[in-house]
Amino acid sequence: MSEFTLDDLEKIVDARSKASPDESWTAKLVAAGQSKAAKKMGEEAIEAVMAAVTDDRDNLTYEAADLLYHLLVVLKVAGIPLQDVMAELERRTAQSGLKEKASRQS
């Protein structure tokens, strides 16, 4: 059995974004635009944080899945492929996190 990946999810988001908004939540979010998609992602992020700080592992798992899905929708609307995000993460791992963070501060 193969593992489900973020690449798999990105492909599903892409396919569903092309459906009718009457038939697909993804298509509905994409059609509503970045503001709606980003607000929904923000709601999911808050719910994930709340689950984390209350040590609710089951709910954190559920909300993390929602957050990852909505992040991919936001990226889809922005026209940013997941590979660009992964490349940025790879670039950052070439140095320590503390050095990378310090390089961004003025």
Protein backbone atom coordinates (compact mmCIF):
# COMPACT_ATOMS: atom_id res chain seq x y z
CA MET A 1 0.00 0.00 0.00
CA SER A 2 1.40 3.41 -0.96
CA GLU A 3 1.40 6.39 1.38
CA PHE A 4 -0.85 9.35 0.75
CA THR A 5 1.28 12.47 0.20
CA LEU A 6 0.83 16.21 0.01
CA ASP A 7 1.53 15.84 -3.72
CA ASP A 8 -1.49 13.52 -3.91
CA LEU A 9 -3.60 16.08 -2.06
CA GLU A 10 -2.40 18.87 -4.34
CA LYS A 11 -3.54 16.84 -7.36
CA ILE A 12 -6.95 16.25 -5.77
CA VAL A 13 -7.32 19.97 -4.97
CA ASP A 14 -6.40 20.81 -8.57
CA ALA A 15 -8.90 18.34 -10.02
CA ARG A 16 -11.71 19.37 -7.69
CA SER A 17 -11.07 23.07 -8.25
CA LYS A 18 -12.19 22.53 -11.84
CA ALA A 19 -15.56 21.05 -10.85
CA SER A 20 -18.79 22.98 -10.46
CA PRO A 21 -18.94 25.01 -7.24
CA ASP A 22 -22.34 23.38 -6.70
CA GLU A 23 -20.67 19.96 -6.54
CA SER A 24 -17.31 20.60 -4.84
CA TRP A 25 -16.30 22.44 -1.67
CA THR A 26 -12.87 22.98 -3.23
CA ALA A 27 -14.38 24.54 -6.35
CA LYS A 28 -16.63 26.70 -4.18
CA LEU A 29 -13.65 28.01 -2.20
CA VAL A 30 -11.61 28.66 -5.34
CA ALA A 31 -14.54 30.45 -7.00
CA ALA A 32 -15.04 32.62 -3.90
CA GLY A 33 -11.48 33.88 -4.20
CA GLN A 34 -8.41 34.23 -2.05
CA SER A 35 -10.05 36.20 0.74
CA LYS A 36 -12.59 33.46 1.47
CA ALA A 37 -10.03 30.65 1.09
CA ALA A 38 -7.53 32.43 3.36
CA LYS A 39 -10.17 33.16 6.01
CA LYS A 40 -11.13 29.50 6.04
CA MET A 41 -7.45 28.51 6.36
CA GLY A 42 -7.15 30.94 9.28
CA GLU A 43 -10.15 29.38 11.02
CA GLU A 44 -8.60 25.94 10.65
CA ALA A 45 -5.26 27.22 11.98
CA ILE A 46 -6.95 28.61 15.09
CA GLU A 47 -8.79 25.33 15.63
CA ALA A 48 -5.49 23.42 15.30
CA VAL A 49 -3.83 25.73 17.81
CA MET A 50 -6.70 25.28 20.26
CA ALA A 51 -6.45 21.50 19.96
CA ALA A 52 -2.67 21.67 20.48
CA VAL A 53 -2.78 23.81 23.61
CA THR A 54 -5.46 21.59 25.15
CA ASP A 55 -3.48 18.42 24.33
CA ASP A 56 -6.40 17.06 22.30
CA ARG A 57 -4.44 14.70 20.04
CA ASP A 58 -7.42 13.35 18.10
CA ASN A 59 -8.79 16.81 17.35
CA LEU A 60 -5.32 18.13 16.53
CA THR A 61 -4.93 15.37 13.95
CA TYR A 62 -8.33 16.26 12.45
CA GLU A 63 -7.68 20.00 12.43
CA ALA A 64 -4.15 19.58 11.05
CA ALA A 65 -5.65 17.69 8.11
CA ASP A 66 -8.14 20.53 7.57
CA LEU A 67 -5.32 23.09 7.78
CA LEU A 68 -3.13 21.29 5.25
CA TYR A 69 -6.06 20.95 2.85
CA HIS A 70 -7.02 24.62 3.14
CA LEU A 71 -3.37 25.70 2.77
CA LEU A 72 -3.22 23.81 -0.53
CA VAL A 73 -6.42 25.54 -1.65
CA VAL A 74 -4.91 28.94 -0.81
CA LEU A 75 -1.76 28.03 -2.71
CA LYS A 76 -3.90 26.88 -5.66
CA VAL A 77 -5.75 30.19 -5.77
CA ALA A 78 -2.44 32.06 -5.58
CA GLY A 79 -0.96 29.96 -8.38
CA ILE A 80 1.87 28.73 -6.16
CA PRO A 81 2.73 25.07 -6.69
CA LEU A 82 3.50 22.97 -3.63
CA GLN A 83 6.92 22.29 -5.15
CA ASP A 84 7.81 25.97 -4.69
CA VAL A 85 7.04 25.69 -0.97
CA MET A 86 9.02 22.46 -0.71
CA ALA A 87 11.97 24.10 -2.49
CA GLU A 88 11.88 26.95 0.02
CA LEU A 89 11.85 24.46 2.89
CA GLU A 90 14.77 22.62 1.34
CA ARG A 91 16.67 25.90 0.98
CA ARG A 92 16.07 26.69 4.64
CA THR A 93 17.27 23.31 5.84
CA ALA A 94 20.69 24.02 4.34
CA GLN A 95 21.39 26.09 7.46
CA SER A 96 20.33 26.04 11.08
CA GLY A 97 16.90 27.40 11.88
CA LEU A 98 18.39 30.01 14.19
CA LYS A 99 20.74 31.31 11.47
CA GLU A 100 17.93 31.33 8.90
CA LYS A 101 15.64 33.28 11.23
CA ALA A 102 18.43 35.76 12.10
CA SER A 103 19.08 36.38 8.39
CA ARG A 104 15.48 37.59 8.01
CA GLN A 105 15.68 40.12 10.85
CA SER A 106 16.71 43.70 10.12
